[in-house]
């Protein structure tokens, strides 16, 4: 049950970060199709890399502690965004690399690492939850469905509730703090290891 909560929560945080990312970039680059294209492509690329590296890491270190470390690192990176984003965005804005390159490169610097680390969640969760090779497909399907449900919840909650009622800084602190809580939830399972 704990693992499912973590998977749901990581999916929610990832999409919440993407939605909030548009508000972080908007004062410097607007909310054009280039900004949204940059955000979506960078988050997808980071997720893809996270799936790959998460699978490799899960095979090498099949313990909940490794997943907890990835989630905690992502949480810390999100917590520092309010402190560093302004100077980074001002730098890219001053460089004036154009309406396409500026938001794209700023998105890389700000969001690739936390998104990559969050992308590691599903492969790790599958490794930790799979108890029988005959049912690993079902386990993967259930966990990816839970992750996607979390992403939907994170998108709607952020767009419809959090952004209208909270500032961007408060949302980022909440997201980073949530990941630290999810990391802590995995603490009782630090000794999990691959079966078989």
N, C-alpha and C. Protein backbone atom coordinates (compact mmCIF):
# COMPACT_ATOMS: atom_id res chain seq x y z
N UNK A 1 0.82 -1.20 0.00
CA UNK A 1 0.00 0.00 0.00
C UNK A 1 0.87 1.27 0.00
N UNK A 2 1.93 1.24 0.82
CA UNK A 2 2.82 2.40 0.89
C UNK A 2 3.43 2.70 -0.48
N UNK A 3 3.85 1.66 -1.17
CA UNK A 3 4.47 1.84 -2.47
C UNK A 3 3.48 2.47 -3.46
N UNK A 4 2.23 2.07 -3.39
CA UNK A 4 1.22 2.63 -4.28
C UNK A 4 0.97 4.11 -3.98
N UNK A 5 0.98 4.46 -2.71
CA UNK A 5 0.83 5.87 -2.33
C UNK A 5 1.99 6.69 -2.88
N UNK A 6 3.19 6.15 -2.76
CA UNK A 6 4.38 6.86 -3.25
C UNK A 6 4.32 7.03 -4.76
N UNK A 7 3.92 5.98 -5.47
CA UNK A 7 3.82 6.05 -6.93
C UNK A 7 2.77 7.08 -7.36
N UNK A 8 1.62 7.05 -6.69
CA UNK A 8 0.56 8.04 -6.98
C UNK A 8 1.08 9.45 -6.71
N UNK A 9 1.71 9.64 -5.56
CA UNK A 9 2.21 10.95 -5.19
C UNK A 9 3.28 11.48 -6.11
N UNK A 10 4.20 10.61 -6.53
CA UNK A 10 5.26 11.04 -7.44
C UNK A 10 4.67 11.46 -8.78
N UNK A 11 3.67 10.73 -9.26
CA UNK A 11 3.01 11.12 -10.50
C UNK A 11 2.31 12.47 -10.37
N UNK A 12 1.69 12.70 -9.21
CA UNK A 12 1.00 13.97 -8.98
C UNK A 12 2.00 15.12 -8.93
N UNK A 13 3.11 14.93 -8.23
CA UNK A 13 4.11 15.99 -8.10
C UNK A 13 4.72 16.32 -9.46
N UNK A 14 4.98 15.30 -10.26
CA UNK A 14 5.58 15.54 -11.57
C UNK A 14 4.72 16.46 -12.42
N UNK A 15 3.44 16.17 -12.52
CA UNK A 15 2.58 16.99 -13.36
C UNK A 15 2.30 18.35 -12.73
N UNK A 16 2.24 18.39 -11.41
CA UNK A 16 2.08 19.68 -10.75
C UNK A 16 3.28 20.58 -11.05
N UNK A 17 4.47 20.00 -11.04
CA UNK A 17 5.67 20.76 -11.36
C UNK A 17 5.64 21.28 -12.79
N UNK A 18 5.15 20.47 -13.70
CA UNK A 18 5.07 20.92 -15.10
C UNK A 18 4.09 22.08 -15.25
N UNK A 19 2.93 21.99 -14.58
CA UNK A 19 1.95 23.07 -14.65
C UNK A 19 2.52 24.34 -14.02
N UNK A 20 3.14 24.21 -12.86
CA UNK A 20 3.72 25.37 -12.18
C UNK A 20 4.89 25.92 -12.99
N UNK A 21 5.58 25.03 -13.72
CA UNK A 21 6.68 25.48 -14.56
C UNK A 21 6.27 26.54 -15.55
N UNK A 22 5.04 26.44 -16.04
CA UNK A 22 4.56 27.45 -16.98
C UNK A 22 4.46 28.81 -16.31
N UNK A 23 4.09 28.82 -15.02
CA UNK A 23 4.00 30.09 -14.28
C UNK A 23 5.38 30.64 -13.94
N UNK A 24 6.34 29.76 -13.78
CA UNK A 24 7.71 30.20 -13.50
C UNK A 24 8.31 30.86 -14.74
N UNK A 25 8.06 30.29 -15.91
CA UNK A 25 8.63 30.82 -17.15
C UNK A 25 7.88 32.03 -17.69
N UNK A 26 6.60 32.13 -17.39
CA UNK A 26 5.75 33.15 -18.02
C UNK A 26 6.24 34.59 -17.86
N UNK A 27 6.69 35.02 -16.67
CA UNK A 27 7.11 36.42 -16.56
C UNK A 27 8.29 36.79 -17.46
N UNK A 28 9.05 35.81 -17.89
CA UNK A 28 10.24 36.07 -18.71
C UNK A 28 10.02 35.74 -20.18
N UNK A 29 9.22 34.71 -20.46
CA UNK A 29 9.08 34.26 -21.84
C UNK A 29 7.63 34.19 -22.31
N UNK A 30 6.69 34.62 -21.48
CA UNK A 30 5.29 34.56 -21.86
C UNK A 30 4.72 33.15 -21.69
N UNK A 31 3.56 32.94 -22.28
CA UNK A 31 2.93 31.61 -22.20
C UNK A 31 2.60 31.12 -23.61
N UNK A 32 3.54 31.34 -24.51
CA UNK A 32 3.34 30.98 -25.91
C UNK A 32 3.41 29.47 -26.11
N UNK A 33 3.13 29.08 -27.33
CA UNK A 33 3.24 27.66 -27.69
C UNK A 33 4.69 27.18 -27.54
N UNK A 34 5.66 28.09 -27.70
CA UNK A 34 7.06 27.72 -27.53
C UNK A 34 7.37 27.36 -26.08
N UNK A 35 6.78 28.10 -25.16
CA UNK A 35 6.98 27.82 -23.74
C UNK A 35 6.39 26.46 -23.39
N UNK A 36 5.14 26.24 -23.82
CA UNK A 36 4.50 24.95 -23.52
C UNK A 36 5.20 23.80 -24.24
N UNK A 37 5.60 24.04 -25.50
CA UNK A 37 6.33 23.00 -26.22
C UNK A 37 7.64 22.66 -25.53
N UNK A 38 8.31 23.68 -25.01
CA UNK A 38 9.57 23.46 -24.29
C UNK A 38 9.33 22.63 -23.04
N UNK A 39 8.34 23.03 -22.25
CA UNK A 39 8.05 22.31 -21.01
C UNK A 39 7.67 20.86 -21.27
N UNK A 40 6.75 20.65 -22.18
CA UNK A 40 6.27 19.29 -22.44
C UNK A 40 7.40 18.41 -22.94
N UNK A 41 8.18 18.91 -23.89
CA UNK A 41 9.25 18.08 -24.46
C UNK A 41 10.34 17.80 -23.44
N UNK A 42 10.69 18.78 -22.61
CA UNK A 42 11.73 18.57 -21.60
C UNK A 42 11.26 17.59 -20.54
N UNK A 43 10.02 17.72 -20.10
CA UNK A 43 9.52 16.77 -19.10
C UNK A 43 9.44 15.36 -19.67
N UNK A 44 9.02 15.22 -20.93
CA UNK A 44 8.96 13.89 -21.53
C UNK A 44 10.35 13.29 -21.72
N UNK A 45 11.30 14.12 -22.15
CA UNK A 45 12.68 13.63 -22.31
C UNK A 45 13.26 13.20 -20.97
N UNK A 46 13.01 14.00 -19.93
CA UNK A 46 13.52 13.66 -18.60
C UNK A 46 12.86 12.39 -18.08
N UNK A 47 11.56 12.25 -18.32
CA UNK A 47 10.87 11.02 -17.91
C UNK A 47 11.45 9.80 -18.60
N UNK A 48 11.67 9.92 -19.90
CA UNK A 48 12.24 8.82 -20.66
C UNK A 48 13.59 8.40 -20.08
N UNK A 49 14.43 9.39 -19.82
CA UNK A 49 15.74 9.09 -19.22
C UNK A 49 15.57 8.50 -17.83
N UNK A 50 14.59 9.01 -17.07
CA UNK A 50 14.35 8.48 -15.74
C UNK A 50 13.89 7.04 -15.75
N UNK A 51 13.03 6.70 -16.72
CA UNK A 51 12.61 5.31 -16.85
C UNK A 51 13.81 4.40 -17.11
N UNK A 52 14.68 4.86 -18.01
CA UNK A 52 15.85 4.04 -18.36
C UNK A 52 16.79 3.89 -17.16
N UNK A 53 17.21 5.01 -16.60
CA UNK A 53 18.17 4.95 -15.49
C UNK A 53 17.54 4.34 -14.25
N UNK A 54 16.23 4.54 -14.07
CA UNK A 54 15.55 3.90 -12.95
C UNK A 54 15.55 2.39 -13.08
N UNK A 55 15.35 1.90 -14.29
CA UNK A 55 15.41 0.45 -14.50
C UNK A 55 16.79 -0.11 -14.24
N UNK A 56 17.81 0.58 -14.73
CA UNK A 56 19.19 0.14 -14.50
C UNK A 56 19.51 0.15 -13.01
N UNK A 57 19.15 1.26 -12.33
CA UNK A 57 19.45 1.38 -10.91
C UNK A 57 18.67 0.37 -10.08
N UNK A 58 17.42 0.09 -10.46
CA UNK A 58 16.61 -0.87 -9.71
C UNK A 58 17.19 -2.27 -9.79
N UNK A 59 17.75 -2.61 -10.95
CA UNK A 59 18.39 -3.93 -11.07
C UNK A 59 19.67 -4.00 -10.25
N UNK A 60 20.38 -2.86 -10.16
CA UNK A 60 21.65 -2.86 -9.45
C UNK A 60 21.47 -2.71 -7.95
N UNK A 61 20.54 -1.86 -7.53
CA UNK A 61 20.28 -1.63 -6.11
C UNK A 61 18.79 -1.82 -5.84
N UNK A 62 18.30 -3.05 -5.81
CA UNK A 62 16.85 -3.30 -5.68
C UNK A 62 16.35 -3.13 -4.25
N UNK A 63 16.50 -1.92 -3.73
CA UNK A 63 16.09 -1.62 -2.36
C UNK A 63 15.26 -0.34 -2.34
N UNK A 64 14.33 -0.28 -1.41
CA UNK A 64 13.50 0.91 -1.27
C UNK A 64 14.34 2.13 -0.91
N UNK A 65 15.46 1.90 -0.23
CA UNK A 65 16.32 3.01 0.14
C UNK A 65 16.83 3.79 -1.06
N UNK A 66 17.10 3.09 -2.16
CA UNK A 66 17.58 3.77 -3.37
C UNK A 66 16.48 4.64 -3.96
N UNK A 67 15.25 4.13 -3.97
CA UNK A 67 14.12 4.93 -4.44
C UNK A 67 13.88 6.12 -3.51
N UNK A 68 13.98 5.88 -2.21
CA UNK A 68 13.80 6.97 -1.24
C UNK A 68 14.83 8.07 -1.47
N UNK A 69 16.05 7.69 -1.78
CA UNK A 69 17.11 8.67 -2.04
C UNK A 69 16.79 9.50 -3.28
N UNK A 70 16.31 8.85 -4.35
CA UNK A 70 15.95 9.56 -5.57
C UNK A 70 14.82 10.56 -5.31
N UNK A 71 13.81 10.14 -4.55
CA UNK A 71 12.69 11.02 -4.24
C UNK A 71 13.13 12.20 -3.37
N UNK A 72 14.00 11.91 -2.39
CA UNK A 72 14.49 12.99 -1.53
C UNK A 72 15.31 14.00 -2.34
N UNK A 73 16.14 13.50 -3.24
CA UNK A 73 16.95 14.40 -4.08
C UNK A 73 16.06 15.27 -4.96
N UNK A 74 15.01 14.67 -5.54
CA UNK A 74 14.07 15.44 -6.34
C UNK A 74 13.38 16.49 -5.48
N UNK A 75 13.01 16.11 -4.26
CA UNK A 75 12.37 17.06 -3.36
C UNK A 75 13.26 18.25 -3.04
N UNK A 76 14.52 17.99 -2.77
CA UNK A 76 15.46 19.07 -2.46
C UNK A 76 15.62 19.99 -3.68
N UNK A 77 15.74 19.39 -4.87
CA UNK A 77 15.89 20.20 -6.08
C UNK A 77 14.68 21.11 -6.30
N UNK A 78 13.48 20.61 -5.99
CA UNK A 78 12.28 21.43 -6.14
C UNK A 78 12.23 22.50 -5.05
N UNK A 79 12.67 22.17 -3.86
CA UNK A 79 12.68 23.15 -2.77
C UNK A 79 13.60 24.33 -3.05
N UNK A 80 14.68 24.10 -3.81
CA UNK A 80 15.60 25.21 -4.09
C UNK A 80 15.19 26.02 -5.33
N UNK A 81 14.21 25.54 -6.08
CA UNK A 81 13.78 26.27 -7.27
C UNK A 81 13.38 27.73 -6.97
N UNK A 82 12.62 27.98 -5.91
CA UNK A 82 12.28 29.39 -5.65
C UNK A 82 13.50 30.27 -5.38
N UNK A 83 14.58 29.66 -4.93
CA UNK A 83 15.78 30.43 -4.59
C UNK A 83 16.67 30.70 -5.80
N UNK A 84 16.61 29.81 -6.80
CA UNK A 84 17.55 29.93 -7.93
C UNK A 84 16.88 30.29 -9.25
N UNK A 85 15.57 30.11 -9.34
CA UNK A 85 14.92 30.26 -10.65
C UNK A 85 15.02 31.68 -11.19
N UNK A 86 14.89 32.67 -10.34
CA UNK A 86 14.89 34.04 -10.82
C UNK A 86 16.22 34.40 -11.50
N UNK A 87 17.33 34.07 -10.85
CA UNK A 87 18.63 34.42 -11.44
C UNK A 87 18.87 33.65 -12.73
N UNK A 88 18.45 32.39 -12.77
CA UNK A 88 18.61 31.58 -13.99
C UNK A 88 17.78 32.16 -15.12
N UNK A 89 16.54 32.50 -14.83
CA UNK A 89 15.66 33.04 -15.87
C UNK A 89 16.11 34.42 -16.33
N UNK A 90 16.60 35.23 -15.42
CA UNK A 90 17.12 36.55 -15.82
C UNK A 90 18.33 36.41 -16.73
N UNK A 91 19.16 35.40 -16.46
CA UNK A 91 20.33 35.16 -17.30
C UNK A 91 19.91 34.77 -18.71
N UNK A 92 18.99 33.82 -18.83
CA UNK A 92 18.54 33.40 -20.16
C UNK A 92 17.80 34.53 -20.87
N UNK A 93 17.05 35.32 -20.11
CA UNK A 93 16.35 36.44 -20.71
C UNK A 93 17.34 37.48 -21.24
N UNK A 94 18.41 37.72 -20.49
CA UNK A 94 19.43 38.68 -20.92
C UNK A 94 20.18 38.18 -22.15
N UNK A 95 20.41 36.88 -22.22
CA UNK A 95 21.10 36.33 -23.39
C UNK A 95 20.26 36.46 -24.65
N UNK A 96 18.94 36.48 -24.50
CA UNK A 96 18.01 36.66 -25.61
C UNK A 96 18.33 35.71 -26.78
N UNK A 97 18.18 34.44 -26.50
CA UNK A 97 18.48 33.41 -27.49
C UNK A 97 17.32 33.16 -28.44
N UNK A 98 16.26 33.92 -28.29
CA UNK A 98 15.11 33.77 -29.17
C UNK A 98 13.93 33.15 -28.45
N UNK A 99 12.74 33.26 -29.04
CA UNK A 99 11.52 32.78 -28.37
C UNK A 99 11.44 31.27 -28.25
N UNK A 100 12.26 30.54 -29.00
CA UNK A 100 12.26 29.08 -28.91
C UNK A 100 13.36 28.59 -27.97
N UNK A 101 14.59 29.03 -28.22
CA UNK A 101 15.74 28.50 -27.47
C UNK A 101 15.74 28.95 -26.01
N UNK A 102 15.34 30.17 -25.74
CA UNK A 102 15.40 30.66 -24.36
C UNK A 102 14.54 29.84 -23.40
N UNK A 103 13.24 29.65 -23.68
CA UNK A 103 12.46 28.84 -22.74
C UNK A 103 12.87 27.36 -22.74
N UNK A 104 13.34 26.87 -23.88
CA UNK A 104 13.77 25.47 -23.94
C UNK A 104 14.97 25.23 -23.03
N UNK A 105 15.99 26.07 -23.16
CA UNK A 105 17.20 25.89 -22.36
C UNK A 105 16.94 26.19 -20.88
N UNK A 106 16.12 27.18 -20.60
CA UNK A 106 15.77 27.46 -19.21
C UNK A 106 15.03 26.28 -18.59
N UNK A 107 14.16 25.64 -19.37
CA UNK A 107 13.43 24.46 -18.88
C UNK A 107 14.39 23.31 -18.58
N UNK A 108 15.40 23.15 -19.43
CA UNK A 108 16.40 22.10 -19.20
C UNK A 108 17.08 22.32 -17.85
N UNK A 109 17.55 23.54 -17.63
CA UNK A 109 18.31 23.84 -16.41
C UNK A 109 17.44 23.68 -15.17
N UNK A 110 16.21 24.14 -15.24
CA UNK A 110 15.35 24.16 -14.05
C UNK A 110 14.68 22.82 -13.75
N UNK A 111 14.29 22.08 -14.79
CA UNK A 111 13.37 20.97 -14.55
C UNK A 111 13.87 19.57 -14.92
N UNK A 112 14.98 19.46 -15.64
CA UNK A 112 15.40 18.12 -16.09
C UNK A 112 15.74 17.20 -14.92
N UNK A 113 16.56 17.66 -14.00
CA UNK A 113 16.99 16.76 -12.92
C UNK A 113 15.85 16.28 -12.03
N UNK A 114 15.00 17.17 -11.50
CA UNK A 114 13.91 16.63 -10.67
C UNK A 114 12.96 15.73 -11.45
N UNK A 115 12.71 16.05 -12.72
CA UNK A 115 11.82 15.21 -13.53
C UNK A 115 12.43 13.85 -13.80
N UNK A 116 13.73 13.83 -14.08
CA UNK A 116 14.43 12.57 -14.30
C UNK A 116 14.35 11.69 -13.06
N UNK A 117 14.61 12.27 -11.91
CA UNK A 117 14.56 11.50 -10.66
C UNK A 117 13.15 10.98 -10.39
N UNK A 118 12.13 11.78 -10.68
CA UNK A 118 10.76 11.32 -10.50
C UNK A 118 10.42 10.21 -11.49
N UNK A 119 11.00 10.27 -12.69
CA UNK A 119 10.78 9.22 -13.67
C UNK A 119 11.32 7.87 -13.24
N UNK A 120 12.26 7.86 -12.30
CA UNK A 120 12.82 6.61 -11.80
C UNK A 120 11.85 5.85 -10.90
N UNK A 121 10.79 6.51 -10.47
CA UNK A 121 9.89 5.91 -9.49
C UNK A 121 9.23 4.63 -10.00
N UNK A 122 8.63 4.67 -11.17
CA UNK A 122 7.88 3.49 -11.65
C UNK A 122 8.74 2.25 -11.86
N UNK A 123 9.91 2.34 -12.54
CA UNK A 123 10.73 1.15 -12.66
C UNK A 123 11.16 0.57 -11.31
N UNK A 124 11.51 1.46 -10.38
CA UNK A 124 11.88 0.99 -9.04
C UNK A 124 10.71 0.31 -8.36
N UNK A 125 9.53 0.94 -8.45
CA UNK A 125 8.36 0.38 -7.79
C UNK A 125 8.01 -1.00 -8.34
N UNK A 126 8.13 -1.15 -9.66
CA UNK A 126 7.85 -2.45 -10.28
C UNK A 126 8.82 -3.50 -9.77
N UNK A 127 10.09 -3.13 -9.69
CA UNK A 127 11.12 -4.06 -9.20
C UNK A 127 10.82 -4.47 -7.76
N UNK A 128 10.43 -3.51 -6.95
CA UNK A 128 10.18 -3.79 -5.54
C UNK A 128 8.89 -4.56 -5.31
N UNK A 129 7.89 -4.31 -6.17
CA UNK A 129 6.58 -4.94 -5.96
C UNK A 129 6.45 -6.30 -6.61
N UNK A 130 7.25 -6.58 -7.63
CA UNK A 130 7.12 -7.84 -8.36
C UNK A 130 7.58 -9.00 -7.48
N UNK A 131 6.68 -9.93 -7.26
CA UNK A 131 7.01 -11.10 -6.44
C UNK A 131 7.04 -12.38 -7.26
N UNK A 132 6.52 -12.29 -8.48
CA UNK A 132 6.41 -13.49 -9.30
C UNK A 132 6.55 -13.07 -10.76
N UNK A 133 7.45 -13.70 -11.46
CA UNK A 133 7.69 -13.36 -12.86
C UNK A 133 6.42 -13.53 -13.71
N UNK A 134 5.57 -14.47 -13.31
CA UNK A 134 4.35 -14.74 -14.08
C UNK A 134 3.36 -13.59 -14.00
N UNK A 135 3.47 -12.75 -12.97
CA UNK A 135 2.50 -11.66 -12.80
C UNK A 135 3.16 -10.28 -12.89
N UNK A 136 4.39 -10.21 -13.38
CA UNK A 136 5.08 -8.92 -13.43
C UNK A 136 4.39 -7.94 -14.38
N UNK A 137 3.77 -8.46 -15.43
CA UNK A 137 3.04 -7.59 -16.36
C UNK A 137 1.87 -6.92 -15.67
N UNK A 138 1.14 -7.68 -14.87
CA UNK A 138 0.02 -7.11 -14.12
C UNK A 138 0.50 -6.08 -13.10
N UNK A 139 1.60 -6.41 -12.42
CA UNK A 139 2.17 -5.47 -11.44
C UNK A 139 2.56 -4.16 -12.11
N UNK A 140 3.23 -4.26 -13.26
CA UNK A 140 3.64 -3.06 -13.99
C UNK A 140 2.42 -2.26 -14.44
N UNK A 141 1.41 -2.94 -14.95
CA UNK A 141 0.21 -2.26 -15.41
C UNK A 141 -0.49 -1.52 -14.29
N UNK A 142 -0.61 -2.16 -13.13
CA UNK A 142 -1.28 -1.53 -11.99
C UNK A 142 -0.51 -0.29 -11.54
N UNK A 143 0.81 -0.41 -11.44
CA UNK A 143 1.60 0.71 -10.94
C UNK A 143 1.64 1.87 -11.93
N UNK A 144 1.72 1.58 -13.22
CA UNK A 144 1.67 2.67 -14.20
C UNK A 144 0.29 3.33 -14.22
N UNK A 145 -0.77 2.54 -14.00
CA UNK A 145 -2.11 3.13 -13.92
C UNK A 145 -2.22 4.04 -12.71
N UNK A 146 -1.67 3.62 -11.59
CA UNK A 146 -1.69 4.45 -10.37
C UNK A 146 -0.89 5.73 -10.58
N UNK A 147 0.27 5.61 -11.22
CA UNK A 147 1.10 6.78 -11.50
C UNK A 147 0.36 7.77 -12.40
N UNK A 148 -0.30 7.25 -13.43
CA UNK A 148 -1.05 8.12 -14.35
C UNK A 148 -2.23 8.77 -13.64
N UNK A 149 -2.90 8.02 -12.78
CA UNK A 149 -4.00 8.61 -11.99
C UNK A 149 -3.47 9.75 -11.12
N UNK A 150 -2.29 9.55 -10.54
CA UNK A 150 -1.66 10.61 -9.76
C UNK A 150 -1.36 11.82 -10.61
N UNK A 151 -0.89 11.58 -11.84
CA UNK A 151 -0.58 12.69 -12.74
C UNK A 151 -1.83 13.50 -13.08
N UNK A 152 -2.94 12.79 -13.31
CA UNK A 152 -4.21 13.48 -13.59
C UNK A 152 -4.63 14.31 -12.38
N UNK A 153 -4.55 13.71 -11.20
CA UNK A 153 -4.92 14.42 -9.98
C UNK A 153 -4.02 15.64 -9.77
N UNK A 154 -2.72 15.47 -9.99
CA UNK A 154 -1.80 16.59 -9.82
C UNK A 154 -2.06 17.71 -10.79
N UNK A 155 -2.40 17.36 -12.02
CA UNK A 155 -2.71 18.37 -13.03
C UNK A 155 -3.94 19.17 -12.65
N UNK A 156 -5.03 18.46 -12.33
CA UNK A 156 -6.28 19.15 -12.01
C UNK A 156 -6.19 19.95 -10.72
N UNK A 157 -5.58 19.36 -9.70
CA UNK A 157 -5.46 20.05 -8.42
C UNK A 157 -4.63 21.32 -8.56
N UNK A 158 -3.53 21.23 -9.30
CA UNK A 158 -2.67 22.40 -9.46
C UNK A 158 -3.34 23.47 -10.29
N UNK A 159 -3.91 23.08 -11.42
CA UNK A 159 -4.52 24.06 -12.33
C UNK A 159 -5.80 24.68 -11.75
N UNK A 160 -6.63 23.87 -11.09
CA UNK A 160 -7.93 24.35 -10.65
C UNK A 160 -7.96 24.89 -9.22
N UNK A 161 -7.03 24.44 -8.38
CA UNK A 161 -7.08 24.81 -6.97
C UNK A 161 -5.82 25.54 -6.50
N UNK A 162 -4.66 24.92 -6.69
CA UNK A 162 -3.44 25.48 -6.09
C UNK A 162 -3.02 26.80 -6.70
N UNK A 163 -2.96 26.87 -8.03
CA UNK A 163 -2.51 28.13 -8.66
C UNK A 163 -3.45 29.29 -8.35
N UNK A 164 -4.77 29.09 -8.39
CA UNK A 164 -5.65 30.22 -8.05
C UNK A 164 -5.58 30.64 -6.58
N UNK A 165 -5.16 29.74 -5.68
CA UNK A 165 -5.22 30.06 -4.25
C UNK A 165 -3.86 30.21 -3.58
N UNK A 166 -2.80 29.72 -4.20
CA UNK A 166 -1.47 29.77 -3.59
C UNK A 166 -0.48 30.41 -4.57
N UNK A 167 0.57 30.98 -4.04
CA UNK A 167 1.62 31.49 -4.89
C UNK A 167 2.50 30.36 -5.40
N UNK A 168 3.25 30.63 -6.46
CA UNK A 168 4.14 29.63 -7.05
C UNK A 168 5.15 29.13 -6.03
N UNK A 169 5.71 30.05 -5.26
CA UNK A 169 6.71 29.67 -4.25
C UNK A 169 6.13 28.68 -3.25
N UNK A 170 4.93 28.94 -2.76
CA UNK A 170 4.30 28.05 -1.79
C UNK A 170 4.01 26.68 -2.40
N UNK A 171 3.61 26.67 -3.66
CA UNK A 171 3.34 25.39 -4.33
C UNK A 171 4.63 24.59 -4.45
N UNK A 172 5.72 25.24 -4.85
CA UNK A 172 6.99 24.53 -4.98
C UNK A 172 7.46 23.97 -3.64
N UNK A 173 7.32 24.75 -2.58
CA UNK A 173 7.69 24.24 -1.26
C UNK A 173 6.83 23.05 -0.87
N UNK A 174 5.55 23.10 -1.22
CA UNK A 174 4.65 21.99 -0.91
C UNK A 174 5.04 20.73 -1.69
N UNK A 175 5.37 20.91 -2.97
CA UNK A 175 5.76 19.75 -3.79
C UNK A 175 7.05 19.13 -3.29
N UNK A 176 8.05 19.97 -3.01
CA UNK A 176 9.31 19.45 -2.49
C UNK A 176 9.13 18.76 -1.15
N UNK A 177 8.33 19.38 -0.28
CA UNK A 177 8.07 18.77 1.01
C UNK A 177 7.34 17.44 0.89
N UNK A 178 6.40 17.36 -0.05
CA UNK A 178 5.67 16.10 -0.26
C UNK A 178 6.61 14.98 -0.65
N UNK A 179 7.58 15.28 -1.51
CA UNK A 179 8.54 14.25 -1.92
C UNK A 179 9.40 13.79 -0.74
N UNK A 180 9.75 14.70 0.13
CA UNK A 180 10.52 14.30 1.33
C UNK A 180 9.67 13.40 2.22
N UNK A 181 8.38 13.67 2.30
CA UNK A 181 7.48 12.81 3.07
C UNK A 181 7.39 11.42 2.43
N UNK A 182 7.26 11.38 1.10
CA UNK A 182 7.20 10.08 0.41
C UNK A 182 8.49 9.30 0.63
N UNK A 183 9.61 9.99 0.61
CA UNK A 183 10.89 9.34 0.87
C UNK A 183 10.91 8.74 2.27
N UNK A 184 10.41 9.51 3.22
CA UNK A 184 10.35 9.05 4.61
C UNK A 184 9.42 7.85 4.76
N UNK A 185 8.31 7.83 4.00
CA UNK A 185 7.37 6.71 4.07
C UNK A 185 8.03 5.38 3.69
N UNK A 186 9.06 5.48 2.84
CA UNK A 186 9.74 4.26 2.41
C UNK A 186 10.74 3.75 3.44
N UNK A 187 11.02 4.54 4.48
CA UNK A 187 12.04 4.18 5.47
C UNK A 187 11.83 2.79 6.09
N UNK A 188 10.59 2.39 6.43
CA UNK A 188 10.43 1.05 7.03
C UNK A 188 10.79 -0.09 6.07
N UNK A 189 10.93 0.22 4.80
CA UNK A 189 11.16 -0.81 3.80
C UNK A 189 12.56 -0.75 3.21
N UNK A 190 13.51 -0.14 3.94
CA UNK A 190 14.86 0.02 3.44
C UNK A 190 15.53 -1.32 3.10
N UNK A 191 15.07 -2.38 3.70
CA UNK A 191 15.71 -3.67 3.47
C UNK A 191 15.08 -4.47 2.36
N UNK A 192 14.09 -3.89 1.67
CA UNK A 192 13.52 -4.60 0.52
C UNK A 192 14.61 -5.01 -0.45
N UNK A 193 14.48 -6.15 -1.01
CA UNK A 193 15.44 -6.55 -2.03
C UNK A 193 14.71 -7.35 -3.10
N UNK A 194 15.36 -7.52 -4.22
CA UNK A 194 14.75 -8.28 -5.31
C UNK A 194 14.55 -9.72 -4.90
N UNK A 195 13.44 -10.27 -5.35
CA UNK A 195 13.20 -11.69 -5.07
C UNK A 195 13.81 -12.53 -6.17
N UNK A 196 14.05 -13.76 -5.80
CA UNK A 196 14.54 -14.69 -6.82
C UNK A 196 15.95 -14.43 -7.07
